[in-house]
Amino acid sequence: MMKAAEIRELSVEDLKTRIVKESKALGTLQLNHAVSPIENALIIKSTRRLVARLKTILNEKEQA
């Protein structure tokens, strides 16, 4: 789990690639959970929040 301070240190390109990677992982988790419930469903919640955090910080950097 990355903290917001760690995410802010990343470059814009790194943020974009990380968003794509985490979004794919989230999709895979959701699909696997729909087929057969995964052991720890909180992983989906934390991954979804990480993607949102990444997108928010990317948006802040692009606005500045």
PDB file of N, CA and C in Angstrom:
ATOM      1  N   MET A   1       0.841  -1.182   0.000  1.00  0.00           N
ATOM      2  CA  MET A   1       0.000   0.000   0.000  1.00  0.00           C
ATOM      3  C   MET A   1       0.881   1.238   0.000  1.00  0.00           C
ATOM      4  N   MET A   2       0.656   2.100  -0.959  1.00  0.00           N
ATOM      5  CA  MET A   2       1.450   3.317  -1.063  1.00  0.00           C
ATOM      6  C   MET A   2       0.748   4.458  -0.338  1.00  0.00           C
ATOM      7  N   LYS A   3       1.525   5.229   0.368  1.00  0.00           N
ATOM      8  CA  LYS A   3       1.008   6.427   1.025  1.00  0.00           C
ATOM      9  C   LYS A   3       0.970   7.566   0.013  1.00  0.00           C
ATOM     10  N   ALA A   4       0.166   8.583   0.307  1.00  0.00           N
ATOM     11  CA  ALA A   4       0.038   9.713  -0.604  1.00  0.00           C
ATOM     12  C   ALA A   4       1.371  10.423  -0.796  1.00  0.00           C
ATOM     13  N   ALA A   5       2.180  10.510   0.253  1.00  0.00           N
ATOM     14  CA  ALA A   5       3.486  11.165   0.141  1.00  0.00           C
ATOM     15  C   ALA A   5       4.395  10.408  -0.825  1.00  0.00           C
ATOM     16  N   GLU A   6       4.328   9.075  -0.803  1.00  0.00           N
ATOM     17  CA  GLU A   6       5.133   8.265  -1.721  1.00  0.00           C
ATOM     18  C   GLU A   6       4.659   8.440  -3.154  1.00  0.00           C
ATOM     19  N   ILE A   7       3.356   8.558  -3.339  1.00  0.00           N
ATOM     20  CA  ILE A   7       2.785   8.709  -4.673  1.00  0.00           C
ATOM     21  C   ILE A   7       3.175  10.064  -5.257  1.00  0.00           C
ATOM     22  N   ARG A   8       3.191  11.105  -4.426  1.00  0.00           N
ATOM     23  CA  ARG A   8       3.522  12.442  -4.900  1.00  0.00           C
ATOM     24  C   ARG A   8       4.957  12.537  -5.417  1.00  0.00           C
ATOM     25  N   GLU A   9       5.827  11.655  -4.976  1.00  0.00           N
ATOM     26  CA  GLU A   9       7.218  11.657  -5.421  1.00  0.00           C
ATOM     27  C   GLU A   9       7.370  11.097  -6.838  1.00  0.00           C
ATOM     28  N   LEU A  10       6.371  10.373  -7.329  1.00  0.00           N
ATOM     29  CA  LEU A  10       6.448   9.768  -8.654  1.00  0.00           C
ATOM     30  C   LEU A  10       6.267  10.828  -9.737  1.00  0.00           C
ATOM     31  N   SER A  11       6.847  10.564 -10.909  1.00  0.00           N
ATOM     32  CA  SER A  11       6.669  11.477 -12.037  1.00  0.00           C
ATOM     33  C   SER A  11       5.297  11.222 -12.677  1.00  0.00           C
ATOM     34  N   VAL A  12       4.903  12.110 -13.569  1.00  0.00           N
ATOM     35  CA  VAL A  12       3.600  11.993 -14.236  1.00  0.00           C
ATOM     36  C   VAL A  12       3.534  10.700 -15.051  1.00  0.00           C
ATOM     37  N   GLU A  13       4.628  10.372 -15.746  1.00  0.00           N
ATOM     38  CA  GLU A  13       4.650   9.155 -16.559  1.00  0.00           C
ATOM     39  C   GLU A  13       4.543   7.912 -15.680  1.00  0.00           C
ATOM     40  N   ASP A  14       5.244   7.939 -14.546  1.00  0.00           N
ATOM     41  CA  ASP A  14       5.163   6.809 -13.615  1.00  0.00           C
ATOM     42  C   ASP A  14       3.749   6.650 -13.069  1.00  0.00           C
ATOM     43  N   LEU A  15       3.104   7.772 -12.774  1.00  0.00           N
ATOM     44  CA  LEU A  15       1.727   7.719 -12.277  1.00  0.00           C
ATOM     45  C   LEU A  15       0.805   7.091 -13.320  1.00  0.00           C
ATOM     46  N   LYS A  16       0.959   7.490 -14.564  1.00  0.00           N
ATOM     47  CA  LYS A  16       0.087   6.966 -15.625  1.00  0.00           C
ATOM     48  C   LYS A  16       0.273   5.457 -15.795  1.00  0.00           C
ATOM     49  N   THR A  17       1.521   5.004 -15.794  1.00  0.00           N
ATOM     50  CA  THR A  17       1.753   3.568 -15.942  1.00  0.00           C
ATOM     51  C   THR A  17       1.257   2.806 -14.719  1.00  0.00           C
ATOM     52  N   ARG A  18       1.402   3.392 -13.554  1.00  0.00           N
ATOM     53  CA  ARG A  18       0.939   2.745 -12.320  1.00  0.00           C
ATOM     54  C   ARG A  18      -0.591   2.647 -12.301  1.00  0.00           C
ATOM     55  N   ILE A  19      -1.280   3.686 -12.803  1.00  0.00           N
ATOM     56  CA  ILE A  19      -2.738   3.667 -12.871  1.00  0.00           C
ATOM     57  C   ILE A  19      -3.212   2.541 -13.782  1.00  0.00           C
ATOM     58  N   VAL A  20      -2.567   2.404 -14.937  1.00  0.00           N
ATOM     59  CA  VAL A  20      -2.948   1.337 -15.878  1.00  0.00           C
ATOM     60  C   VAL A  20      -2.735  -0.029 -15.226  1.00  0.00           C
ATOM     61  N   LYS A  21      -1.587  -0.216 -14.590  1.00  0.00           N
ATOM     62  CA  LYS A  21      -1.265  -1.496 -13.964  1.00  0.00           C
ATOM     63  C   LYS A  21      -2.243  -1.845 -12.847  1.00  0.00           C
ATOM     64  N   GLU A  22      -2.527  -0.875 -11.981  1.00  0.00           N
ATOM     65  CA  GLU A  22      -3.425  -1.124 -10.851  1.00  0.00           C
ATOM     66  C   GLU A  22      -4.873  -1.309 -11.320  1.00  0.00           C
ATOM     67  N   SER A  23      -5.275  -0.608 -12.380  1.00  0.00           N
ATOM     68  CA  SER A  23      -6.631  -0.763 -12.912  1.00  0.00           C
ATOM     69  C   SER A  23      -6.831  -2.166 -13.476  1.00  0.00           C
ATOM     70  N   LYS A  24      -5.804  -2.683 -14.164  1.00  0.00           N
ATOM     71  CA  LYS A  24      -5.889  -4.048 -14.685  1.00  0.00           C
ATOM     72  C   LYS A  24      -5.962  -5.050 -13.536  1.00  0.00           C
ATOM     73  N   ALA A  25      -5.171  -4.819 -12.504  1.00  0.00           N
ATOM     74  CA  ALA A  25      -5.202  -5.708 -11.342  1.00  0.00           C
ATOM     75  C   ALA A  25      -6.565  -5.671 -10.670  1.00  0.00           C
ATOM     76  N   LEU A  26      -7.163  -4.489 -10.584  1.00  0.00           N
ATOM     77  CA  LEU A  26      -8.494  -4.354  -9.987  1.00  0.00           C
ATOM     78  C   LEU A  26      -9.535  -5.110 -10.804  1.00  0.00           C
ATOM     79  N   GLY A  27      -9.467  -4.988 -12.120  1.00  0.00           N
ATOM     80  CA  GLY A  27     -10.400  -5.713 -12.980  1.00  0.00           C
ATOM     81  C   GLY A  27     -10.276  -7.215 -12.808  1.00  0.00           C
ATOM     82  N   THR A  28      -9.053  -7.693 -12.721  1.00  0.00           N
ATOM     83  CA  THR A  28      -8.816  -9.120 -12.513  1.00  0.00           C
ATOM     84  C   THR A  28      -9.367  -9.581 -11.169  1.00  0.00           C
ATOM     85  N   LEU A  29      -9.119  -8.777 -10.129  1.00  0.00           N
ATOM     86  CA  LEU A  29      -9.632  -9.115  -8.795  1.00  0.00           C
ATOM     87  C   LEU A  29     -11.156  -9.186  -8.800  1.00  0.00           C
ATOM     88  N   GLN A  30     -11.798  -8.208  -9.433  1.00  0.00           N
ATOM     89  CA  GLN A  30     -13.258  -8.177  -9.458  1.00  0.00           C
ATOM     90  C   GLN A  30     -13.818  -9.360 -10.235  1.00  0.00           C
ATOM     91  N   LEU A  31     -13.174  -9.716 -11.331  1.00  0.00           N
ATOM     92  CA  LEU A  31     -13.630 -10.857 -12.117  1.00  0.00           C
ATOM     93  C   LEU A  31     -13.481 -12.150 -11.323  1.00  0.00           C
ATOM     94  N   ASN A  32     -12.324 -12.323 -10.698  1.00  0.00           N
ATOM     95  CA  ASN A  32     -12.097 -13.525  -9.895  1.00  0.00           C
ATOM     96  C   ASN A  32     -13.079 -13.609  -8.735  1.00  0.00           C
ATOM     97  N   HIS A  33     -13.398 -12.474  -8.142  1.00  0.00           N
ATOM     98  CA  HIS A  33     -14.327 -12.455  -7.020  1.00  0.00           C
ATOM     99  C   HIS A  33     -15.751 -12.777  -7.480  1.00  0.00           C
ATOM    100  N   ALA A  34     -16.097 -12.371  -8.697  1.00  0.00           N
ATOM    101  CA  ALA A  34     -17.429 -12.661  -9.219  1.00  0.00           C
ATOM    102  C   ALA A  34     -17.589 -14.150  -9.518  1.00  0.00           C
ATOM    103  N   VAL A  35     -16.518 -14.776  -9.986  1.00  0.00           N
ATOM    104  CA  VAL A  35     -16.568 -16.196 -10.337  1.00  0.00           C
ATOM    105  C   VAL A  35     -16.598 -17.052  -9.074  1.00  0.00           C
ATOM    106  N   SER A  36     -15.640 -16.833  -8.201  1.00  0.00           N
ATOM    107  CA  SER A  36     -15.633 -17.524  -6.915  1.00  0.00           C
ATOM    108  C   SER A  36     -15.078 -16.561  -5.884  1.00  0.00           C
ATOM    109  N   PRO A  37     -15.795 -16.331  -4.813  1.00  0.00           N
ATOM    110  CA  PRO A  37     -15.387 -15.313  -3.833  1.00  0.00           C
ATOM    111  C   PRO A  37     -13.943 -15.520  -3.361  1.00  0.00           C
ATOM    112  N   ILE A  38     -13.184 -14.421  -3.416  1.00  0.00           N
ATOM    113  CA  ILE A  38     -11.805 -14.504  -2.956  1.00  0.00           C
ATOM    114  C   ILE A  38     -11.784 -14.464  -1.431  1.00  0.00           C
ATOM    115  N   GLU A  39     -10.669 -14.922  -0.877  1.00  0.00           N
ATOM    116  CA  GLU A  39     -10.565 -15.071   0.569  1.00  0.00           C
ATOM    117  C   GLU A  39     -10.671 -13.729   1.292  1.00  0.00           C
ATOM    118  N   ASN A  40      -9.975 -12.710   0.793  1.00  0.00           N
ATOM    119  CA  ASN A  40      -9.981 -11.413   1.440  1.00  0.00           C
ATOM    120  C   ASN A  40     -10.517 -10.366   0.470  1.00  0.00           C
ATOM    121  N   ALA A  41     -11.796 -10.046   0.588  1.00  0.00           N
ATOM    122  CA  ALA A  41     -12.433  -9.106  -0.329  1.00  0.00           C
ATOM    123  C   ALA A  41     -11.989  -7.667  -0.089  1.00  0.00           C
ATOM    124  N   LEU A  42     -11.347  -7.394   1.031  1.00  0.00           N
ATOM    125  CA  LEU A  42     -10.882  -6.039   1.312  1.00  0.00           C
ATOM    126  C   LEU A  42      -9.755  -5.619   0.373  1.00  0.00           C
ATOM    127  N   ILE A  43      -9.124  -6.596  -0.288  1.00  0.00           N
ATOM    128  CA  ILE A  43      -8.080  -6.268  -1.271  1.00  0.00           C
ATOM    129  C   ILE A  43      -8.689  -5.447  -2.407  1.00  0.00           C
ATOM    130  N   ILE A  44      -9.911  -5.773  -2.800  1.00  0.00           N
ATOM    131  CA  ILE A  44     -10.588  -5.036  -3.871  1.00  0.00           C
ATOM    132  C   ILE A  44     -10.790  -3.584  -3.443  1.00  0.00           C
ATOM    133  N   LYS A  45     -11.239  -3.383  -2.219  1.00  0.00           N
ATOM    134  CA  LYS A  45     -11.481  -2.045  -1.705  1.00  0.00           C
ATOM    135  C   LYS A  45     -10.192  -1.222  -1.659  1.00  0.00           C
ATOM    136  N   SER A  46      -9.119  -1.817  -1.175  1.00  0.00           N
ATOM    137  CA  SER A  46      -7.859  -1.080  -1.068  1.00  0.00           C
ATOM    138  C   SER A  46      -7.281  -0.775  -2.443  1.00  0.00           C
ATOM    139  N   THR A  47      -7.437  -1.692  -3.395  1.00  0.00           N
ATOM    140  CA  THR A  47      -6.938  -1.455  -4.752  1.00  0.00           C
ATOM    141  C   THR A  47      -7.742  -0.354  -5.429  1.00  0.00           C
ATOM    142  N   ARG A  48      -9.045  -0.368  -5.227  1.00  0.00           N
ATOM    143  CA  ARG A  48      -9.903   0.670  -5.812  1.00  0.00           C
ATOM    144  C   ARG A  48      -9.523   2.044  -5.249  1.00  0.00           C
ATOM    145  N   ARG A  49      -9.261   2.108  -3.960  1.00  0.00           N
ATOM    146  CA  ARG A  49      -8.872   3.373  -3.343  1.00  0.00           C
ATOM    147  C   ARG A  49      -7.490   3.825  -3.804  1.00  0.00           C
ATOM    148  N   LEU A  50      -6.581   2.877  -4.031  1.00  0.00           N
ATOM    149  CA  LEU A  50      -5.251   3.217  -4.530  1.00  0.00           C
ATOM    150  C   LEU A  50      -5.349   3.828  -5.922  1.00  0.00           C
ATOM    151  N   VAL A  51      -6.187   3.250  -6.775  1.00  0.00           N
ATOM    152  CA  VAL A  51      -6.372   3.792  -8.132  1.00  0.00           C
ATOM    153  C   VAL A  51      -6.934   5.209  -8.044  1.00  0.00           C
ATOM    154  N   ALA A  52      -7.895   5.420  -7.167  1.00  0.00           N
ATOM    155  CA  ALA A  52      -8.481   6.756  -7.003  1.00  0.00           C
ATOM    156  C   ALA A  52      -7.436   7.747  -6.491  1.00  0.00           C
ATOM    157  N   ARG A  53      -6.615   7.315  -5.554  1.00  0.00           N
ATOM    158  CA  ARG A  53      -5.564   8.170  -5.006  1.00  0.00           C
ATOM    159  C   ARG A  53      -4.552   8.538  -6.097  1.00  0.00           C
ATOM    160  N   LEU A  54      -4.186   7.553  -6.914  1.00  0.00           N
ATOM    161  CA  LEU A  54      -3.247   7.807  -8.011  1.00  0.00           C
ATOM    162  C   LEU A  54      -3.827   8.816  -9.001  1.00  0.00           C
ATOM    163  N   LYS A  55      -5.104   8.629  -9.353  1.00  0.00           N
ATOM    164  CA  LYS A  55      -5.740   9.530 -10.314  1.00  0.00           C
ATOM    165  C   LYS A  55      -5.855  10.945  -9.753  1.00  0.00           C
ATOM    166  N   THR A  56      -6.145  11.061  -8.462  1.00  0.00           N
ATOM    167  CA  THR A  56      -6.271  12.372  -7.841  1.00  0.00           C
ATOM    168  C   THR A  56      -4.944  13.116  -7.875  1.00  0.00           C
ATOM    169  N   ILE A  57      -3.876  12.442  -7.514  1.00  0.00           N
ATOM    170  CA  ILE A  57      -2.567  13.094  -7.488  1.00  0.00           C
ATOM    171  C   ILE A  57      -2.093  13.413  -8.900  1.00  0.00           C
ATOM    172  N   LEU A  58      -2.392  12.534  -9.863  1.00  0.00           N
ATOM    173  CA  LEU A  58      -2.062  12.823 -11.261  1.00  0.00           C
ATOM    174  C   LEU A  58      -2.793  14.080 -11.717  1.00  0.00           C
ATOM    175  N   ASN A  59      -4.061  14.195 -11.383  1.00  0.00           N
ATOM    176  CA  ASN A  59      -4.850  15.364 -11.756  1.00  0.00           C
ATOM    177  C   ASN A  59      -4.267  16.627 -11.117  1.00  0.00           C
ATOM    178  N   GLU A  60      -3.852  16.546  -9.856  1.00  0.00           N
ATOM    179  CA  GLU A  60      -3.247  17.691  -9.189  1.00  0.00           C
ATOM    180  C   GLU A  60      -1.971  18.130  -9.901  1.00  0.00           C
ATOM    181  N   LYS A  61      -1.138  17.151 -10.302  1.00  0.00           N
ATOM    182  CA  LYS A  61       0.111  17.481 -10.975  1.00  0.00           C
ATOM    183  C   LYS A  61      -0.144  18.086 -12.352  1.00  0.00           C
ATOM    184  N   GLU A  62      -1.144  17.589 -13.059  1.00  0.00           N
ATOM    185  CA  GLU A  62      -1.435  18.116 -14.391  1.00  0.00           C
ATOM    186  C   GLU A  62      -2.042  19.515 -14.313  1.00  0.00           C
ATOM    187  N   GLN A  63      -2.776  19.810 -13.243  1.00  0.00           N
ATOM    188  CA  GLN A  63      -3.371  21.144 -13.068  1.00  0.00           C
ATOM    189  C   GLN A  63      -2.310  22.191 -12.752  1.00  0.00           C
ATOM    190  N   ALA A  64      -1.267  21.771 -12.049  1.00  0.00           N
ATOM    191  CA  ALA A  64      -0.234  22.718 -11.609  1.00  0.00           C
ATOM    192  C   ALA A  64       0.686  23.153 -12.744  1.00  0.00           C
TER     193      ALA A  64
END
